[in-house]
Amino acid sequence: MKKKQTIKKDPRSLIGKRVTVYWNQYKWSYKGVVADYDPKKKKRYFIKYDDGDEEWEYKKDLKILEEKL
């Protein structure tokens, strides 16, 4: 619960986090890292995907991954 509140207060807190982006309509997901945030682009995040692709994505499509050490 605290994690969601932190993101709402500071959406830039996701920068540098590993995420999975999931597109429900296609049933696809890809992993990547949040590289940037732009509130002017309808609160979208710039994702650098593991396969080298880069795209702006909506927060609702992101799932934060917990990295195991």
N, C-alpha and C. Protein backbone atom coordinates (compact mmCIF):
# COMPACT_ATOMS: atom_id res chain seq x y z
N MET A 1 0.81 -1.19 0.00
CA MET A 1 0.00 0.00 0.00
C MET A 1 0.86 1.26 0.00
N LYS A 2 1.91 1.27 0.79
CA LYS A 2 2.78 2.44 0.84
C LYS A 2 3.44 2.70 -0.51
N LYS A 3 3.76 1.63 -1.24
CA LYS A 3 4.41 1.79 -2.54
C LYS A 3 3.53 2.60 -3.49
N LYS A 4 2.23 2.30 -3.53
CA LYS A 4 1.31 3.03 -4.40
C LYS A 4 1.21 4.48 -3.99
N GLN A 5 1.17 4.76 -2.68
CA GLN A 5 1.09 6.13 -2.21
C GLN A 5 2.34 6.91 -2.60
N THR A 6 3.51 6.29 -2.51
CA THR A 6 4.76 6.95 -2.88
C THR A 6 4.74 7.33 -4.35
N ILE A 7 4.27 6.43 -5.21
CA ILE A 7 4.22 6.70 -6.63
C ILE A 7 3.26 7.86 -6.92
N LYS A 8 2.13 7.91 -6.24
CA LYS A 8 1.18 8.99 -6.44
C LYS A 8 1.79 10.32 -6.04
N LYS A 9 2.56 10.35 -4.96
CA LYS A 9 3.18 11.58 -4.51
C LYS A 9 4.33 12.00 -5.43
N ASP A 10 5.11 11.06 -5.87
CA ASP A 10 6.25 11.36 -6.74
C ASP A 10 6.34 10.32 -7.85
N PRO A 11 5.67 10.57 -8.98
CA PRO A 11 5.67 9.59 -10.07
C PRO A 11 7.06 9.33 -10.64
N ARG A 12 7.99 10.23 -10.41
CA ARG A 12 9.35 10.02 -10.90
C ARG A 12 10.08 8.94 -10.10
N SER A 13 9.48 8.49 -8.99
CA SER A 13 10.12 7.46 -8.17
C SER A 13 10.24 6.13 -8.91
N LEU A 14 9.52 5.97 -10.01
CA LEU A 14 9.63 4.74 -10.81
C LEU A 14 10.85 4.72 -11.71
N ILE A 15 11.46 5.88 -11.94
CA ILE A 15 12.64 5.93 -12.83
C ILE A 15 13.74 5.04 -12.27
N GLY A 16 14.26 4.17 -13.13
CA GLY A 16 15.30 3.23 -12.74
C GLY A 16 14.77 1.88 -12.28
N LYS A 17 13.46 1.75 -12.12
CA LYS A 17 12.86 0.49 -11.67
C LYS A 17 12.62 -0.45 -12.84
N ARG A 18 12.77 -1.75 -12.57
CA ARG A 18 12.44 -2.77 -13.57
C ARG A 18 10.94 -2.97 -13.54
N VAL A 19 10.36 -3.06 -14.70
CA VAL A 19 8.91 -3.23 -14.82
C VAL A 19 8.58 -4.26 -15.89
N THR A 20 7.37 -4.77 -15.79
CA THR A 20 6.77 -5.53 -16.88
C THR A 20 5.66 -4.66 -17.42
N VAL A 21 5.61 -4.48 -18.72
CA VAL A 21 4.51 -3.76 -19.35
C VAL A 21 3.59 -4.79 -19.97
N TYR A 22 2.32 -4.71 -19.60
CA TYR A 22 1.34 -5.71 -20.05
C TYR A 22 0.25 -5.03 -20.86
N TRP A 23 -0.01 -5.56 -22.04
CA TRP A 23 -1.09 -5.07 -22.90
C TRP A 23 -2.20 -6.11 -22.86
N ASN A 24 -3.25 -5.80 -22.12
CA ASN A 24 -4.35 -6.73 -21.91
C ASN A 24 -5.02 -7.14 -23.21
N GLN A 25 -5.22 -6.19 -24.12
CA GLN A 25 -5.92 -6.50 -25.37
C GLN A 25 -5.18 -7.51 -26.22
N TYR A 26 -3.85 -7.58 -26.08
CA TYR A 26 -3.05 -8.53 -26.87
C TYR A 26 -2.58 -9.73 -26.05
N LYS A 27 -2.71 -9.64 -24.72
CA LYS A 27 -2.22 -10.68 -23.80
C LYS A 27 -0.70 -10.84 -23.92
N TRP A 28 0.01 -9.71 -24.13
CA TRP A 28 1.47 -9.70 -24.24
C TRP A 28 2.06 -8.93 -23.08
N SER A 29 3.28 -9.29 -22.71
CA SER A 29 4.01 -8.50 -21.74
C SER A 29 5.50 -8.54 -22.08
N TYR A 30 6.18 -7.45 -21.76
CA TYR A 30 7.62 -7.34 -21.97
C TYR A 30 8.24 -6.65 -20.77
N LYS A 31 9.49 -7.01 -20.48
CA LYS A 31 10.21 -6.42 -19.35
C LYS A 31 11.13 -5.32 -19.84
N GLY A 32 11.34 -4.35 -18.94
CA GLY A 32 12.24 -3.25 -19.25
C GLY A 32 12.50 -2.42 -18.02
N VAL A 33 13.08 -1.24 -18.24
CA VAL A 33 13.43 -0.30 -17.17
C VAL A 33 12.78 1.04 -17.48
N VAL A 34 12.22 1.67 -16.44
CA VAL A 34 11.65 3.01 -16.59
C VAL A 34 12.81 3.99 -16.71
N ALA A 35 12.86 4.73 -17.83
CA ALA A 35 13.96 5.65 -18.07
C ALA A 35 13.57 7.11 -17.85
N ASP A 36 12.28 7.43 -17.97
CA ASP A 36 11.86 8.83 -17.84
C ASP A 36 10.37 8.90 -17.56
N TYR A 37 9.93 10.06 -17.12
CA TYR A 37 8.52 10.33 -16.86
C TYR A 37 8.20 11.70 -17.42
N ASP A 38 7.05 11.86 -18.05
CA ASP A 38 6.65 13.15 -18.59
C ASP A 38 5.18 13.41 -18.29
N PRO A 39 4.89 14.27 -17.31
CA PRO A 39 3.50 14.55 -16.96
C PRO A 39 2.72 15.23 -18.09
N LYS A 40 3.42 15.87 -19.01
CA LYS A 40 2.75 16.52 -20.14
C LYS A 40 2.28 15.52 -21.18
N LYS A 41 2.81 14.33 -21.16
CA LYS A 41 2.41 13.28 -22.11
C LYS A 41 1.38 12.36 -21.45
N LYS A 42 0.38 12.96 -20.82
CA LYS A 42 -0.70 12.21 -20.17
C LYS A 42 -0.17 11.22 -19.13
N LYS A 43 0.81 11.71 -18.34
CA LYS A 43 1.41 10.91 -17.27
C LYS A 43 1.96 9.59 -17.77
N ARG A 44 2.78 9.68 -18.79
CA ARG A 44 3.36 8.46 -19.37
C ARG A 44 4.81 8.31 -18.96
N TYR A 45 5.26 7.04 -19.03
CA TYR A 45 6.63 6.67 -18.67
C TYR A 45 7.36 6.17 -19.91
N PHE A 46 8.65 6.54 -20.02
CA PHE A 46 9.47 6.07 -21.13
C PHE A 46 10.18 4.80 -20.68
N ILE A 47 9.91 3.71 -21.41
CA ILE A 47 10.45 2.40 -21.05
C ILE A 47 11.52 1.98 -22.05
N LYS A 48 12.66 1.53 -21.53
CA LYS A 48 13.69 0.92 -22.35
C LYS A 48 13.57 -0.59 -22.14
N TYR A 49 13.09 -1.28 -23.17
CA TYR A 49 12.83 -2.71 -23.07
C TYR A 49 14.11 -3.52 -23.20
N ASP A 50 14.07 -4.72 -22.63
CA ASP A 50 15.22 -5.62 -22.66
C ASP A 50 15.64 -5.99 -24.08
N ASP A 51 14.68 -5.96 -25.03
CA ASP A 51 15.00 -6.31 -26.41
C ASP A 51 15.55 -5.13 -27.22
N GLY A 52 15.74 -3.97 -26.55
CA GLY A 52 16.31 -2.79 -27.21
C GLY A 52 15.28 -1.78 -27.69
N ASP A 53 14.02 -2.14 -27.68
CA ASP A 53 12.96 -1.21 -28.09
C ASP A 53 12.77 -0.15 -27.01
N GLU A 54 12.23 1.01 -27.38
CA GLU A 54 11.95 2.09 -26.44
C GLU A 54 10.60 2.69 -26.78
N GLU A 55 9.74 2.89 -25.76
CA GLU A 55 8.39 3.41 -26.00
C GLU A 55 7.89 4.19 -24.79
N TRP A 56 6.96 5.13 -25.02
CA TRP A 56 6.22 5.78 -23.95
C TRP A 56 5.02 4.89 -23.62
N GLU A 57 4.80 4.62 -22.33
CA GLU A 57 3.71 3.75 -21.89
C GLU A 57 2.93 4.39 -20.75
N TYR A 58 1.69 3.97 -20.58
CA TYR A 58 0.85 4.46 -19.50
C TYR A 58 1.12 3.71 -18.21
N LYS A 59 1.00 4.43 -17.08
CA LYS A 59 1.25 3.83 -15.77
C LYS A 59 0.36 2.61 -15.53
N LYS A 60 -0.87 2.64 -16.01
CA LYS A 60 -1.80 1.54 -15.77
C LYS A 60 -1.31 0.22 -16.37
N ASP A 61 -0.41 0.29 -17.35
CA ASP A 61 0.12 -0.91 -18.00
C ASP A 61 1.39 -1.44 -17.34
N LEU A 62 1.91 -0.73 -16.34
CA LEU A 62 3.17 -1.11 -15.72
C LEU A 62 2.96 -1.94 -14.47
N LYS A 63 3.81 -2.92 -14.29
CA LYS A 63 3.86 -3.70 -13.04
C LYS A 63 5.30 -3.66 -12.57
N ILE A 64 5.51 -3.19 -11.36
CA ILE A 64 6.86 -3.09 -10.81
C ILE A 64 7.35 -4.47 -10.43
N LEU A 65 8.57 -4.80 -10.85
CA LEU A 65 9.15 -6.11 -10.55
C LEU A 65 10.03 -6.00 -9.30
N GLU A 66 9.93 -6.99 -8.47
CA GLU A 66 10.81 -7.09 -7.31
C GLU A 66 12.02 -7.91 -7.72
N GLU A 67 13.17 -7.28 -7.72
CA GLU A 67 14.40 -7.96 -8.12
C GLU A 67 14.93 -8.81 -6.97
N LYS A 68 15.26 -10.06 -7.27
CA LYS A 68 15.86 -10.93 -6.26
C LYS A 68 17.36 -10.89 -6.38
N LEU A 69 18.04 -10.75 -5.25
CA LEU A 69 19.50 -10.70 -5.26
C LEU A 69 20.09 -12.08 -5.11
